[in-house]
Amino acid sequence: MPSRDNFHSLMRIGPVQIGTYRDRNGRTKYAAVCTADRCGWSADYSSQTAAQLAARTHRCRVR
């Protein structure tokens, strides 16, 4: 069975978008994804503070 995309509490910091979701064990996780063209950076975090810090310090290497 495919997983569902249930992102909520979306927030944007620069080109990075942070969304809250529940993993398959029911724990709350935070995904940070860069929305810039051809960047492809994304990461999962267990706290919103860590996701916000990563979003603030992310620099796209694509020019």
N, C-alpha and C. Protein backbone atom coordinates (compact mmCIF):
# COMPACT_ATOMS: atom_id res chain seq x y z
N MET A 1 0.85 -1.16 0.00
CA MET A 1 0.00 0.00 0.00
C MET A 1 0.90 1.24 0.00
N PRO A 2 0.69 2.19 -0.93
CA PRO A 2 1.53 3.38 -0.97
C PRO A 2 1.24 4.30 0.21
N SER A 3 2.27 5.02 0.62
CA SER A 3 2.08 5.96 1.72
C SER A 3 1.34 7.20 1.23
N ARG A 4 0.64 7.85 2.14
CA ARG A 4 -0.11 9.05 1.78
C ARG A 4 0.71 10.27 2.13
N ASP A 5 0.54 11.32 1.34
CA ASP A 5 1.20 12.59 1.62
C ASP A 5 0.29 13.42 2.50
N ASN A 6 0.55 13.44 3.78
CA ASN A 6 -0.27 14.17 4.74
C ASN A 6 0.54 15.27 5.40
N PHE A 7 1.05 16.18 4.61
CA PHE A 7 1.80 17.29 5.17
C PHE A 7 0.85 18.36 5.65
N HIS A 8 1.14 18.92 6.80
CA HIS A 8 0.37 20.04 7.32
C HIS A 8 1.32 21.00 8.02
N SER A 9 0.82 22.12 8.45
CA SER A 9 1.63 23.16 9.09
C SER A 9 2.81 23.54 8.21
N LEU A 10 2.53 23.87 6.97
CA LEU A 10 3.59 24.25 6.04
C LEU A 10 4.10 25.64 6.38
N MET A 11 5.41 25.81 6.21
CA MET A 11 6.06 27.09 6.48
C MET A 11 7.18 27.26 5.47
N ARG A 12 7.45 28.48 5.08
CA ARG A 12 8.49 28.74 4.09
C ARG A 12 9.53 29.70 4.67
N ILE A 13 10.80 29.32 4.51
CA ILE A 13 11.93 30.17 4.89
C ILE A 13 12.82 30.26 3.65
N GLY A 14 12.77 31.40 2.97
CA GLY A 14 13.51 31.55 1.72
C GLY A 14 12.98 30.55 0.70
N PRO A 15 13.86 29.82 0.01
CA PRO A 15 13.40 28.83 -0.96
C PRO A 15 13.03 27.48 -0.32
N VAL A 16 13.24 27.36 0.99
CA VAL A 16 13.01 26.07 1.67
C VAL A 16 11.62 26.06 2.30
N GLN A 17 10.92 24.96 2.05
CA GLN A 17 9.59 24.77 2.62
C GLN A 17 9.66 23.66 3.67
N ILE A 18 9.04 23.89 4.82
CA ILE A 18 9.04 22.92 5.92
C ILE A 18 7.63 22.43 6.13
N GLY A 19 7.47 21.11 6.18
CA GLY A 19 6.16 20.51 6.40
C GLY A 19 6.21 19.49 7.53
N THR A 20 5.11 19.38 8.26
CA THR A 20 4.99 18.43 9.36
C THR A 20 4.22 17.21 8.88
N TYR A 21 4.68 16.02 9.26
CA TYR A 21 3.99 14.79 8.88
C TYR A 21 4.20 13.73 9.95
N ARG A 22 3.46 12.65 9.85
CA ARG A 22 3.63 11.50 10.76
C ARG A 22 4.30 10.37 9.98
N ASP A 23 5.35 9.78 10.58
CA ASP A 23 6.00 8.66 9.92
C ASP A 23 5.19 7.38 10.13
N ARG A 24 5.68 6.28 9.63
CA ARG A 24 4.89 5.03 9.70
C ARG A 24 4.75 4.49 11.12
N ASN A 25 5.56 5.01 12.06
CA ASN A 25 5.44 4.61 13.47
C ASN A 25 4.57 5.57 14.26
N GLY A 26 4.01 6.58 13.60
CA GLY A 26 3.12 7.52 14.26
C GLY A 26 3.81 8.69 14.92
N ARG A 27 5.14 8.81 14.75
CA ARG A 27 5.88 9.93 15.33
C ARG A 27 5.80 11.15 14.42
N THR A 28 5.77 12.32 15.01
CA THR A 28 5.74 13.56 14.24
C THR A 28 7.15 13.87 13.75
N LYS A 29 7.27 14.13 12.45
CA LYS A 29 8.55 14.45 11.81
C LYS A 29 8.39 15.74 11.02
N TYR A 30 9.50 16.33 10.65
CA TYR A 30 9.51 17.58 9.90
C TYR A 30 10.40 17.40 8.68
N ALA A 31 9.87 17.71 7.51
CA ALA A 31 10.64 17.62 6.27
C ALA A 31 10.96 19.02 5.78
N ALA A 32 12.22 19.26 5.46
CA ALA A 32 12.66 20.52 4.88
C ALA A 32 13.07 20.23 3.44
N VAL A 33 12.48 20.98 2.49
CA VAL A 33 12.69 20.72 1.07
C VAL A 33 12.97 22.05 0.37
N CYS A 34 14.04 22.09 -0.43
CA CYS A 34 14.35 23.29 -1.20
C CYS A 34 13.52 23.25 -2.48
N THR A 35 12.83 24.35 -2.78
CA THR A 35 11.95 24.40 -3.94
C THR A 35 12.60 25.07 -5.14
N ALA A 36 13.89 25.41 -5.05
CA ALA A 36 14.59 26.02 -6.17
C ALA A 36 14.79 25.00 -7.29
N ASP A 37 14.77 25.49 -8.53
CA ASP A 37 14.96 24.61 -9.68
C ASP A 37 16.32 23.92 -9.62
N ARG A 38 16.33 22.62 -9.87
CA ARG A 38 17.52 21.77 -9.96
C ARG A 38 18.35 21.68 -8.69
N CYS A 39 17.79 22.05 -7.54
CA CYS A 39 18.55 21.95 -6.29
C CYS A 39 18.47 20.52 -5.75
N GLY A 40 17.26 20.03 -5.48
CA GLY A 40 17.09 18.65 -5.05
C GLY A 40 17.41 18.36 -3.59
N TRP A 41 17.66 19.37 -2.78
CA TRP A 41 17.99 19.16 -1.38
C TRP A 41 16.73 18.91 -0.56
N SER A 42 16.77 17.91 0.31
CA SER A 42 15.69 17.66 1.26
C SER A 42 16.25 16.87 2.43
N ALA A 43 15.61 17.02 3.59
CA ALA A 43 16.05 16.30 4.78
C ALA A 43 14.89 16.18 5.76
N ASP A 44 14.91 15.13 6.56
CA ASP A 44 13.90 14.90 7.59
C ASP A 44 14.51 15.15 8.96
N TYR A 45 13.72 15.75 9.85
CA TYR A 45 14.18 16.08 11.19
C TYR A 45 13.13 15.68 12.21
N SER A 46 13.57 15.45 13.44
CA SER A 46 12.64 15.06 14.50
C SER A 46 12.14 16.26 15.28
N SER A 47 12.72 17.44 15.07
CA SER A 47 12.23 18.64 15.75
C SER A 47 12.08 19.77 14.74
N GLN A 48 11.12 20.64 15.01
CA GLN A 48 10.87 21.76 14.12
C GLN A 48 12.02 22.77 14.18
N THR A 49 12.63 22.90 15.32
CA THR A 49 13.75 23.82 15.47
C THR A 49 14.92 23.41 14.58
N ALA A 50 15.20 22.12 14.50
CA ALA A 50 16.29 21.64 13.65
C ALA A 50 15.97 21.88 12.18
N ALA A 51 14.72 21.67 11.79
CA ALA A 51 14.32 21.91 10.41
C ALA A 51 14.41 23.39 10.05
N GLN A 52 14.04 24.27 10.97
CA GLN A 52 14.14 25.70 10.73
C GLN A 52 15.60 26.14 10.63
N LEU A 53 16.46 25.61 11.46
CA LEU A 53 17.88 25.93 11.40
C LEU A 53 18.47 25.49 10.06
N ALA A 54 18.12 24.29 9.62
CA ALA A 54 18.61 23.80 8.34
C ALA A 54 18.11 24.67 7.19
N ALA A 55 16.87 25.13 7.28
CA ALA A 55 16.31 25.99 6.23
C ALA A 55 17.02 27.34 6.19
N ARG A 56 17.35 27.86 7.35
CA ARG A 56 18.02 29.17 7.39
C ARG A 56 19.46 29.10 6.91
N THR A 57 20.12 27.97 7.09
CA THR A 57 21.53 27.85 6.71
C THR A 57 21.72 27.18 5.35
N HIS A 58 20.66 26.74 4.70
CA HIS A 58 20.78 26.06 3.40
C HIS A 58 21.21 27.05 2.32
N ARG A 59 22.18 26.64 1.54
CA ARG A 59 22.62 27.42 0.38
C ARG A 59 22.60 26.50 -0.83
N CYS A 60 21.84 26.89 -1.84
CA CYS A 60 21.76 26.09 -3.07
C CYS A 60 23.10 26.14 -3.82
N ARG A 61 23.57 24.99 -4.25
CA ARG A 61 24.82 24.92 -4.99
C ARG A 61 24.60 25.09 -6.49
N VAL A 62 23.37 25.08 -6.93
CA VAL A 62 23.05 25.22 -8.34
C VAL A 62 23.10 26.70 -8.71
N ARG A 63 23.77 27.03 -9.76
CA ARG A 63 23.83 28.43 -10.22
C ARG A 63 23.48 28.51 -11.67
